PDB file of N, CA and C in Angstrom:
ATOM      1  N   MET A   1    -318.615 -85.046-107.127  1.00  0.00           N
ATOM      2  CA  MET A   1    -318.735 -86.382-107.089  1.00  0.00           C
ATOM      3  C   MET A   1    -320.023 -86.462-106.028  1.00  0.00           C
ATOM      4  N   SER A   2    -319.822 -87.753-106.868  1.00  0.00           N
ATOM      5  CA  SER A   2    -321.274 -88.882-105.849  1.00  0.00           C
ATOM      6  C   SER A   2    -320.770 -89.532-105.638  1.00  0.00           C
ATOM      7  N   THR A   3    -321.943 -89.487-104.174  1.00  0.00           N
ATOM      8  CA  THR A   3    -320.907 -90.885-102.962  1.00  0.00           C
ATOM      9  C   THR A   3    -322.459 -91.982-103.133  1.00  0.00           C
ATOM     10  N   TYR A   4    -321.572 -93.301-103.055  1.00  0.00           N
ATOM     11  CA  TYR A   4    -321.687 -93.958-103.142  1.00  0.00           C
ATOM     12  C   TYR A   4    -321.747 -95.884-101.691  1.00  0.00           C
ATOM     13  N   ILE A   5    -322.820 -95.902-101.480  1.00  0.00           N
ATOM     14  CA  ILE A   5    -322.394 -96.880-100.249  1.00  0.00           C
ATOM     15  C   ILE A   5    -322.350 -98.265-100.791  1.00  0.00           C
ATOM     16  N   VAL A   6    -321.317 -99.263-100.678  1.00  0.00           N
ATOM     17  CA  VAL A   6    -321.028-100.810-101.357  1.00  0.00           C
ATOM     18  C   VAL A   6    -321.113-101.509 -99.939  1.00  0.00           C
ATOM     19  N   LEU A   7    -322.683-102.653-100.545  1.00  0.00           N
ATOM     20  CA  LEU A   7    -322.637-103.485 -98.784  1.00  0.00           C
ATOM     21  C   LEU A   7    -322.267-104.623 -99.768  1.00  0.00           C
ATOM     22  N   SER A   8    -320.821-105.820 -98.734  1.00  0.00           N
ATOM     23  CA  SER A   8    -319.848-107.199 -99.699  1.00  0.00           C
ATOM     24  C   SER A   8    -321.135-108.050 -98.712  1.00  0.00           C
ATOM     25  N   SER A   9    -320.920-108.702 -99.167  1.00  0.00           N
ATOM     26  CA  SER A   9    -320.590-110.245 -98.971  1.00  0.00           C
ATOM     27  C   SER A   9    -319.712-111.352 -99.014  1.00  0.00           C
ATOM     28  N   PHE A  10    -318.710-111.878 -98.371  1.00  0.00           N
ATOM     29  CA  PHE A  10    -317.911-112.705 -99.106  1.00  0.00           C
ATOM     30  C   PHE A  10    -318.281-114.165-100.058  1.00  0.00           C
ATOM     31  N   THR A  11    -317.956-114.035-100.728  1.00  0.00           N
ATOM     32  CA  THR A  11    -317.454-115.314-101.656  1.00  0.00           C
ATOM     33  C   THR A  11    -317.025-116.174-101.000  1.00  0.00           C
ATOM     34  N   ASP A  12    -317.223-117.807-101.388  1.00  0.00           N
ATOM     35  CA  ASP A  12    -316.308-118.408-101.099  1.00  0.00           C
ATOM     36  C   ASP A  12    -315.122-118.204-100.983  1.00  0.00           C
ATOM     37  N   GLN A  13    -314.298-118.231-101.682  1.00  0.00           N
ATOM     38  CA  GLN A  13    -312.922-117.500-101.991  1.00  0.00           C
ATOM     39  C   GLN A  13    -312.253-116.589-100.858  1.00  0.00           C
ATOM     40  N   GLY A  14    -313.685-115.767-100.885  1.00  0.00           N
ATOM     41  CA  GLY A  14    -313.276-114.214 -99.468  1.00  0.00           C
ATOM     42  C   GLY A  14    -313.101-114.844 -98.345  1.00  0.00           C
ATOM     43  N   ILE A  15    -313.863-116.177 -97.994  1.00  0.00           N
ATOM     44  CA  ILE A  15    -314.103-116.313 -96.926  1.00  0.00           C
ATOM     45  C   ILE A  15    -313.107-116.923 -96.183  1.00  0.00           C
ATOM     46  N   ARG A  16    -312.614-118.073 -97.513  1.00  0.00           N
ATOM     47  CA  ARG A  16    -311.778-118.790 -96.812  1.00  0.00           C
ATOM     48  C   ARG A  16    -310.004-118.092 -97.356  1.00  0.00           C
ATOM     49  N   THR A  17    -310.231-117.041 -96.818  1.00  0.00           N
ATOM     50  CA  THR A  17    -308.980-115.950 -97.600  1.00  0.00           C
ATOM     51  C   THR A  17    -309.075-114.940 -96.405  1.00  0.00           C
ATOM     52  N   VAL A  18    -310.476-114.932 -95.570  1.00  0.00           N
ATOM     53  CA  VAL A  18    -310.605-113.869 -94.833  1.00  0.00           C
ATOM     54  C   VAL A  18    -309.748-113.023 -94.015  1.00  0.00           C
ATOM     55  N   LYS A  19    -308.735-113.215 -94.033  1.00  0.00           N
ATOM     56  CA  LYS A  19    -307.023-113.167 -92.589  1.00  0.00           C
ATOM     57  C   LYS A  19    -306.745-112.170 -93.827  1.00  0.00           C
ATOM     58  N   ASP A  20    -306.753-112.313 -94.986  1.00  0.00           N
ATOM     59  CA  ASP A  20    -306.155-110.963 -95.906  1.00  0.00           C
ATOM     60  C   ASP A  20    -307.466-109.523 -95.790  1.00  0.00           C
ATOM     61  N   THR A  21    -308.567-109.826 -95.229  1.00  0.00           N
ATOM     62  CA  THR A  21    -309.524-108.963 -95.395  1.00  0.00           C
ATOM     63  C   THR A  21    -309.055-107.264 -95.869  1.00  0.00           C
ATOM     64  N   THR A  22    -308.307-107.088 -94.192  1.00  0.00           N
ATOM     65  CA  THR A  22    -308.007-105.634 -94.601  1.00  0.00           C
ATOM     66  C   THR A  22    -306.697-105.092 -95.807  1.00  0.00           C
ATOM     67  N   LYS A  23    -306.113-106.360 -95.977  1.00  0.00           N
ATOM     68  CA  LYS A  23    -305.257-106.135 -97.156  1.00  0.00           C
ATOM     69  C   LYS A  23    -305.872-105.662 -97.982  1.00  0.00           C
ATOM     70  N   ARG A  24    -307.037-106.741 -98.846  1.00  0.00           N
ATOM     71  CA  ARG A  24    -307.588-106.516 -99.629  1.00  0.00           C
ATOM     72  C   ARG A  24    -308.627-105.440 -99.461  1.00  0.00           C
ATOM     73  N   ALA A  25    -308.859-104.485 -98.542  1.00  0.00           N
ATOM     74  CA  ALA A  25    -309.266-102.861 -98.442  1.00  0.00           C
ATOM     75  C   ALA A  25    -308.257-101.976 -99.144  1.00  0.00           C
ATOM     76  N   ASP A  26    -306.994-102.011 -98.292  1.00  0.00           N
ATOM     77  CA  ASP A  26    -305.692-101.389 -99.144  1.00  0.00           C
ATOM     78  C   ASP A  26    -305.900-101.413-100.391  1.00  0.00           C
ATOM     79  N   ALA A  27    -305.954-102.862-101.351  1.00  0.00           N
ATOM     80  CA  ALA A  27    -305.815-103.098-102.687  1.00  0.00           C
ATOM     81  C   ALA A  27    -306.918-102.366-103.034  1.00  0.00           C
ATOM     82  N   VAL A  28    -308.113-102.383-102.476  1.00  0.00           N
ATOM     83  CA  VAL A  28    -309.159-102.114-103.260  1.00  0.00           C
ATOM     84  C   VAL A  28    -309.065-100.315-103.615  1.00  0.00           C
ATOM     85  N   LYS A  29    -308.675-100.134-102.247  1.00  0.00           N
ATOM     86  CA  LYS A  29    -308.610 -98.537-102.318  1.00  0.00           C
ATOM     87  C   LYS A  29    -307.467 -97.631-103.312  1.00  0.00           C
ATOM     88  N   GLU A  30    -306.550 -98.902-103.835  1.00  0.00           N
ATOM     89  CA  GLU A  30    -305.395 -98.097-104.631  1.00  0.00           C
ATOM     90  C   GLU A  30    -306.105 -98.598-106.100  1.00  0.00           C
ATOM     91  N   LEU A  31    -306.818 -99.949-106.562  1.00  0.00           N
ATOM     92  CA  LEU A  31    -307.718 -99.788-107.369  1.00  0.00           C
ATOM     93  C   LEU A  31    -308.694 -98.913-107.558  1.00  0.00           C
ATOM     94  N   ALA A  32    -309.306 -98.502-106.808  1.00  0.00           N
ATOM     95  CA  ALA A  32    -310.302 -97.160-106.862  1.00  0.00           C
ATOM     96  C   ALA A  32    -310.003 -95.940-107.829  1.00  0.00           C
ATOM     97  N   LYS A  33    -308.721 -95.788-107.247  1.00  0.00           N
ATOM     98  CA  LYS A  33    -307.571 -94.474-107.480  1.00  0.00           C
ATOM     99  C   LYS A  33    -307.571 -94.462-109.499  1.00  0.00           C
ATOM    100  N   LYS A  34    -307.688 -95.654-109.834  1.00  0.00           N
ATOM    101  CA  LYS A  34    -307.767 -96.545-111.329  1.00  0.00           C
ATOM    102  C   LYS A  34    -308.702 -95.467-111.634  1.00  0.00           C
ATOM    103  N   PHE A  35    -310.164 -95.648-111.240  1.00  0.00           N
ATOM    104  CA  PHE A  35    -311.351 -95.641-112.035  1.00  0.00           C
ATOM    105  C   PHE A  35    -311.781 -93.774-111.667  1.00  0.00           C
ATOM    106  N   GLY A  36    -310.701 -93.284-110.940  1.00  0.00           N
ATOM    107  CA  GLY A  36    -310.781 -91.803-109.915  1.00  0.00           C
ATOM    108  C   GLY A  36    -312.141 -91.755-109.445  1.00  0.00           C
ATOM    109  N   VAL A  37    -312.150 -93.253-108.735  1.00  0.00           N
ATOM    110  CA  VAL A  37    -312.810 -93.053-107.767  1.00  0.00           C
ATOM    111  C   VAL A  37    -311.502 -92.957-105.926  1.00  0.00           C
ATOM    112  N   THR A  38    -312.891 -92.572-104.853  1.00  0.00           N
ATOM    113  CA  THR A  38    -311.742 -92.491-103.774  1.00  0.00           C
ATOM    114  C   THR A  38    -312.489 -93.238-102.551  1.00  0.00           C
ATOM    115  N   ALA A  39    -311.678 -94.140-102.222  1.00  0.00           N
ATOM    116  CA  ALA A  39    -312.682 -95.386-101.026  1.00  0.00           C
ATOM    117  C   ALA A  39    -312.137 -94.053 -99.372  1.00  0.00           C
ATOM    118  N   LYS A  40    -313.639 -94.000 -99.032  1.00  0.00           N
ATOM    119  CA  LYS A  40    -313.514 -93.006 -98.086  1.00  0.00           C
ATOM    120  C   LYS A  40    -313.237 -93.903 -96.930  1.00  0.00           C
ATOM    121  N   GLU A  41    -314.691 -94.855 -96.389  1.00  0.00           N
ATOM    122  CA  GLU A  41    -314.145 -95.529 -95.345  1.00  0.00           C
ATOM    123  C   GLU A  41    -314.432 -96.801 -95.391  1.00  0.00           C
ATOM    124  N   PHE A  42    -313.987 -98.440 -94.541  1.00  0.00           N
ATOM    125  CA  PHE A  42    -314.983 -99.705 -94.635  1.00  0.00           C
ATOM    126  C   PHE A  42    -315.274 -99.903 -93.346  1.00  0.00           C
ATOM    127  N   TYR A  43    -316.100-100.448 -93.459  1.00  0.00           N
ATOM    128  CA  TYR A  43    -316.408-101.336 -91.985  1.00  0.00           C
ATOM    129  C   TYR A  43    -316.852-102.662 -92.268  1.00  0.00           C
ATOM    130  N   TRP A  44    -316.092-103.236 -91.533  1.00  0.00           N
ATOM    131  CA  TRP A  44    -316.670-105.042 -91.230  1.00  0.00           C
ATOM    132  C   TRP A  44    -317.721-105.140 -90.172  1.00  0.00           C
ATOM    133  N   THR A  45    -318.970-105.498 -90.883  1.00  0.00           N
ATOM    134  CA  THR A  45    -319.984-105.659 -90.253  1.00  0.00           C
ATOM    135  C   THR A  45    -320.486-107.314 -89.276  1.00  0.00           C
ATOM    136  N   LEU A  46    -321.451-107.177 -88.455  1.00  0.00           N
ATOM    137  CA  LEU A  46    -322.707-108.406 -88.347  1.00  0.00           C
ATOM    138  C   LEU A  46    -323.471-108.053 -89.233  1.00  0.00           C
ATOM    139  N   GLY A  47    -323.893-109.255 -89.607  1.00  0.00           N
ATOM    140  CA  GLY A  47    -325.318-108.890 -90.002  1.00  0.00           C
ATOM    141  C   GLY A  47    -325.303-110.022 -91.429  1.00  0.00           C
ATOM    142  N   SER A  48    -326.687-109.464 -92.502  1.00  0.00           N
ATOM    143  CA  SER A  48    -326.331-109.990 -93.520  1.00  0.00           C
ATOM    144  C   SER A  48    -324.974-109.362 -94.521  1.00  0.00           C
ATOM    145  N   TYR A  49    -324.453-108.521 -94.076  1.00  0.00           N
ATOM    146  CA  TYR A  49    -323.381-108.131 -95.402  1.00  0.00           C
ATOM    147  C   TYR A  49    -322.194-107.786 -94.257  1.00  0.00           C
ATOM    148  N   ASP A  50    -320.775-108.005 -95.232  1.00  0.00           N
ATOM    149  CA  ASP A  50    -319.926-108.318 -94.217  1.00  0.00           C
ATOM    150  C   ASP A  50    -319.201-107.492 -94.595  1.00  0.00           C
ATOM    151  N   VAL A  51    -319.341-106.532 -95.199  1.00  0.00           N
ATOM    152  CA  VAL A  51    -318.601-105.256 -95.076  1.00  0.00           C
ATOM    153  C   VAL A  51    -318.937-104.373 -96.393  1.00  0.00           C
ATOM    154  N   VAL A  52    -318.789-102.909 -95.278  1.00  0.00           N
ATOM    155  CA  VAL A  52    -319.698-102.071 -96.229  1.00  0.00           C
ATOM    156  C   VAL A  52    -318.928-100.293 -96.170  1.00  0.00           C
ATOM    157  N   ALA A  53    -318.355-100.365 -97.200  1.00  0.00           N
ATOM    158  CA  ALA A  53    -318.083 -99.008 -97.854  1.00  0.00           C
ATOM    159  C   ALA A  53    -318.060 -98.346 -98.447  1.00  0.00           C
ATOM    160  N   ILE A  54    -317.714 -96.658 -98.310  1.00  0.00           N
ATOM    161  CA  ILE A  54    -318.429 -95.966 -98.578  1.00  0.00           C
ATOM    162  C   ILE A  54    -317.210 -95.030 -99.741  1.00  0.00           C
ATOM    163  N   PHE A  55    -317.709 -95.076-100.884  1.00  0.00           N
ATOM    164  CA  PHE A  55    -316.797 -94.334-101.952  1.00  0.00           C
ATOM    165  C   PHE A  55    -317.327 -92.520-102.365  1.00  0.00           C
ATOM    166  N   ASP A  56    -316.290 -92.107-103.090  1.00  0.00           N
ATOM    167  CA  ASP A  56    -316.786 -91.414-103.679  1.00  0.00           C
ATOM    168  C   ASP A  56    -316.377 -91.077-105.368  1.00  0.00           C
ATOM    169  N   ALA A  57    -317.505 -90.764-106.212  1.00  0.00           N
ATOM    170  CA  ALA A  57    -316.905 -91.095-107.810  1.00  0.00           C
ATOM    171  C   ALA A  57    -317.274 -90.218-108.487  1.00  0.00           C
ATOM    172  N   PRO A  58    -317.201 -89.561-109.768  1.00  0.00           N
ATOM    173  CA  PRO A  58    -317.114 -88.511-110.045  1.00  0.00           C
ATOM    174  C   PRO A  58    -318.672 -88.722-111.020  1.00  0.00           C
ATOM    175  N   ASP A  59    -319.192 -90.382-111.092  1.00  0.00           N
ATOM    176  CA  ASP A  59    -320.320 -90.753-112.114  1.00  0.00           C
ATOM    177  C   ASP A  59    -320.273 -91.888-111.659  1.00  0.00           C
ATOM    178  N   ASP A  60    -321.391 -92.393-112.143  1.00  0.00           N
ATOM    179  CA  ASP A  60    -321.615 -93.851-112.450  1.00  0.00           C
ATOM    180  C   ASP A  60    -320.984 -94.696-113.068  1.00  0.00           C
ATOM    181  N   ALA A  61    -320.674 -94.155-114.037  1.00  0.00           N
ATOM    182  CA  ALA A  61    -320.389 -95.122-115.096  1.00  0.00           C
ATOM    183  C   ALA A  61    -318.539 -95.532-114.127  1.00  0.00           C
ATOM    184  N   SER A  62    -317.676 -94.178-113.394  1.00  0.00           N
ATOM    185  CA  SER A  62    -316.398 -94.634-113.035  1.00  0.00           C
ATOM    186  C   SER A  62    -316.989 -96.184-111.998  1.00  0.00           C
ATOM    187  N   MET A  63    -318.182 -95.724-111.347  1.00  0.00           N
ATOM    188  CA  MET A  63    -318.750 -96.741-109.695  1.00  0.00           C
ATOM    189  C   MET A  63    -318.713 -97.657-110.379  1.00  0.00           C
ATOM    190  N   THR A  64    -319.358 -97.544-111.394  1.00  0.00           N
ATOM    191  CA  THR A  64    -319.852 -99.152-112.316  1.00  0.00           C
ATOM    192  C   THR A  64    -318.297 -99.815-112.404  1.00  0.00           C
ATOM    193  N   ALA A  65    -317.531 -99.313-113.176  1.00  0.00           N
ATOM    194  CA  ALA A  65    -316.751 -99.786-113.343  1.00  0.00           C
ATOM    195  C   ALA A  65    -315.371-100.240-111.876  1.00  0.00           C
ATOM    196  N   LEU A  66    -315.347 -99.919-111.478  1.00  0.00           N
ATOM    197  CA  LEU A  66    -314.513-100.441-110.552  1.00  0.00           C
ATOM    198  C   LEU A  66    -315.522-101.441-109.599  1.00  0.00           C
ATOM    199  N   GLY A  67    -316.796-101.682-109.636  1.00  0.00           N
ATOM    200  CA  GLY A  67    -317.504-102.301-109.053  1.00  0.00           C
ATOM    201  C   GLY A  67    -317.791-103.535-110.677  1.00  0.00           C
ATOM    202  N   LEU A  68    -317.515-103.581-111.257  1.00  0.00           N
ATOM    203  CA  LEU A  68    -316.707-104.848-112.064  1.00  0.00           C
ATOM    204  C   LEU A  68    -315.356-105.636-111.568  1.00  0.00           C
ATOM    205  N   ALA A  69    -314.356-104.619-111.440  1.00  0.00           N
ATOM    206  CA  ALA A  69    -313.112-105.333-110.880  1.00  0.00           C
ATOM    207  C   ALA A  69    -313.622-105.942-110.079  1.00  0.00           C
ATOM    208  N   LEU A  70    -314.269-105.450-108.798  1.00  0.00           N
ATOM    209  CA  LEU A  70    -314.290-105.765-107.496  1.00  0.00           C
ATOM    210  C   LEU A  70    -314.797-107.911-107.247  1.00  0.00           C
ATOM    211  N   ALA A  71    -315.819-107.016-108.325  1.00  0.00           N
ATOM    212  CA  ALA A  71    -316.432-108.676-108.696  1.00  0.00           C
ATOM    213  C   ALA A  71    -315.687-109.601-109.603  1.00  0.00           C
ATOM    214  N   ALA A  72    -314.884-108.903-110.531  1.00  0.00           N
ATOM    215  CA  ALA A  72    -314.089-110.287-111.062  1.00  0.00           C
ATOM    216  C   ALA A  72    -313.280-110.602-110.400  1.00  0.00           C
ATOM    217  N   GLY A  73    -312.414-110.009-109.049  1.00  0.00           N
ATOM    218  CA  GLY A  73    -311.248-110.605-108.000  1.00  0.00           C
ATOM    219  C   GLY A  73    -312.461-111.557-107.610  1.00  0.00           C
ATOM    220  N   GLY A  74    -313.383-112.226-107.725  1.00  0.00           N
ATOM    221  CA  GLY A  74    -314.303-112.898-106.672  1.00  0.00           C
ATOM    222  C   GLY A  74    -314.298-112.882-105.221  1.00  0.00           C
ATOM    223  N   ASN A  75    -313.549-112.233-104.543  1.00  0.00           N
ATOM    224  CA  ASN A  75    -313.828-112.466-103.098  1.00  0.00           C
ATOM    225  C   ASN A  75    -315.000-111.806-102.193  1.00  0.00           C
ATOM    226  N   VAL A  76    -316.134-110.791-103.158  1.00  0.00           N
ATOM    227  CA  VAL A  76    -317.310-111.006-102.817  1.00  0.00           C
ATOM    228  C   VAL A  76    -318.070-110.683-103.884  1.00  0.00           C
ATOM    229  N   ARG A  77    -319.450-109.688-103.585  1.00  0.00           N
ATOM    230  CA  ARG A  77    -320.065-109.832-103.747  1.00  0.00           C
ATOM    231  C   ARG A  77    -320.911-108.910-103.299  1.00  0.00           C
ATOM    232  N   THR A  78    -321.404-107.767-104.396  1.00  0.00           N
ATOM    233  CA  THR A  78    -321.722-105.696-104.215  1.00  0.00           C
ATOM    234  C   THR A  78    -322.957-105.860-104.038  1.00  0.00           C
ATOM    235  N   GLN A  79    -323.234-105.029-103.432  1.00  0.00           N
ATOM    236  CA  GLN A  79    -324.706-104.104-104.086  1.00  0.00           C
ATOM    237  C   GLN A  79    -324.622-103.112-103.805  1.00  0.00           C
ATOM    238  N   THR A  80    -324.505-101.792-105.016  1.00  0.00           N
ATOM    239  CA  THR A  80    -324.134-100.845-105.087  1.00  0.00           C
ATOM    240  C   THR A  80    -325.586 -99.074-104.850  1.00  0.00           C
ATOM    241  N   LEU A  81    -325.393 -98.717-103.584  1.00  0.00           N
ATOM    242  CA  LEU A  81    -326.419 -97.782-103.595  1.00  0.00           C
ATOM    243  C   LEU A  81    -325.461 -96.240-104.040  1.00  0.00           C
ATOM    244  N   ARG A  82    -326.581 -95.258-104.451  1.00  0.00           N
ATOM    245  CA  ARG A  82    -326.638 -94.034-104.614  1.00  0.00           C
ATOM    246  C   ARG A  82    -326.699 -93.308-103.667  1.00  0.00           C
ATOM    247  N   ALA A  83    -325.755 -92.261-102.723  1.00  0.00           N
ATOM    248  CA  ALA A  83    -326.552 -91.967-101.779  1.00  0.00           C
ATOM    249  C   ALA A  83    -326.039 -90.020-101.928  1.00  0.00           C
ATOM    250  N   PHE A  84    -327.488 -89.475-101.306  1.00  0.00           N
ATOM    251  CA  PHE A  84    -327.601 -88.352-101.714  1.00  0.00           C
ATOM    252  C   PHE A  84    -327.568 -87.571-100.397  1.00  0.00           C
ATOM    253  N   SER A  85    -326.855 -86.583 -99.914  1.00  0.00           N
ATOM    254  CA  SER A  85    -326.652 -85.827 -99.021  1.00  0.00           C
ATOM    255  C   SER A  85    -327.864 -85.117 -98.518  1.00  0.00           C
ATOM    256  N   ARG A  86    -327.817 -84.577 -97.084  1.00  0.00           N
ATOM    257  CA  ARG A  86    -329.053 -83.321 -97.246  1.00  0.00           C
ATOM    258  C   ARG A  86    -329.345 -82.278 -98.434  1.00  0.00           C
ATOM    259  N   GLN A  87    -328.452 -81.993 -98.621  1.00  0.00           N
ATOM    260  CA  GLN A  87    -327.948 -80.662 -99.623  1.00  0.00           C
ATOM    261  C   GLN A  87    -328.861 -81.048-100.820  1.00  0.00           C
ATOM    262  N   GLU A  88    -327.999 -82.351-101.746  1.00  0.00           N
ATOM    263  CA  GLU A  88    -328.557 -83.137-102.624  1.00  0.00           C
ATOM    264  C   GLU A  88    -330.089 -83.150-102.539  1.00  0.00           C
ATOM    265  N   MET A  89    -330.390 -84.030-101.828  1.00  0.00           N
ATOM    266  CA  MET A  89    -331.290 -84.097-101.604  1.00  0.00           C
ATOM    267  C   MET A  89    -332.683 -83.477-101.104  1.00  0.00           C
ATOM    268  N   ASN A  90    -332.146 -82.079-100.929  1.00  0.00           N
ATOM    269  CA  ASN A  90    -332.700 -80.715-101.234  1.00  0.00           C
ATOM    270  C   ASN A  90    -333.024 -80.175-102.289  1.00  0.00           C
ATOM    271  N   GLY A  91    -332.290 -80.667-103.099  1.00  0.00           N
ATOM    272  CA  GLY A  91    -331.891 -80.236-104.272  1.00  0.00           C
ATOM    273  C   GLY A  91    -333.135 -81.121-105.132  1.00  0.00           C
ATOM    274  N   VAL A  92    -332.961 -82.186-105.025  1.00  0.00           N
ATOM    275  CA  VAL A  92    -334.085 -82.700-105.772  1.00  0.00           C
ATOM    276  C   VAL A  92    -335.434 -82.815-105.512  1.00  0.00           C
ATOM    277  N   LEU A  93    -335.597 -82.490-103.814  1.00  0.00           N
ATOM    278  CA  LEU A  93    -337.322 -82.037-104.058  1.00  0.00           C
ATOM    279  C   LEU A  93    -337.559 -80.806-104.466  1.00  0.00           C
ATOM    280  N   ALA A  94    -336.868 -80.052-104.883  1.00  0.00           N
ATOM    281  CA  ALA A  94    -336.868 -78.803-104.863  1.00  0.00           C
ATOM    282  C   ALA A  94    -337.696 -78.994-106.076  1.00  0.00           C
ATOM    283  N   LYS A  95    -336.878 -80.095-107.246  1.00  0.00           N
ATOM    284  CA  LYS A  95    -337.798 -80.243-108.698  1.00  0.00           C
ATOM    285  C   LYS A  95    -339.113 -80.586-108.709  1.00  0.00           C
ATOM    286  N   LEU A  96    -339.664 -81.042-107.517  1.00  0.00           N
ATOM    287  CA  LEU A  96    -340.988 -81.457-107.321  1.00  0.00           C
ATOM    288  C   LEU A  96    -342.008 -80.320-107.622  1.00  0.00           C
ATOM    289  N   ALA A  97    -341.782 -79.205-107.466  1.00  0.00           N
ATOM    290  CA  ALA A  97    -342.727 -78.014-107.054  1.00  0.00           C
ATOM    291  C   ALA A  97    -343.129 -77.564-108.254  1.00  0.00           C
TER     292      ALA A  97
END
């Protein structure tokens, strides 16, 4: 499984219904399962992004499908980052030799 960090900003629609944001996180957790993705954590943040979420997915295509489904909901705009653990990064660095 690969780890992904998703940075989310509320859309106009999302901020109008912000009182439902924790309920929407629960719904995202269930939606993710349909794509074989596990929602690990959600954090509501101050600053440039409103929500930061961490997911585990079997591949980029599964995570991309989830991202498109989230975008279609209209409540957030997202930026998805592929994250590498220390062990994974050491494997990447070993290829440089």
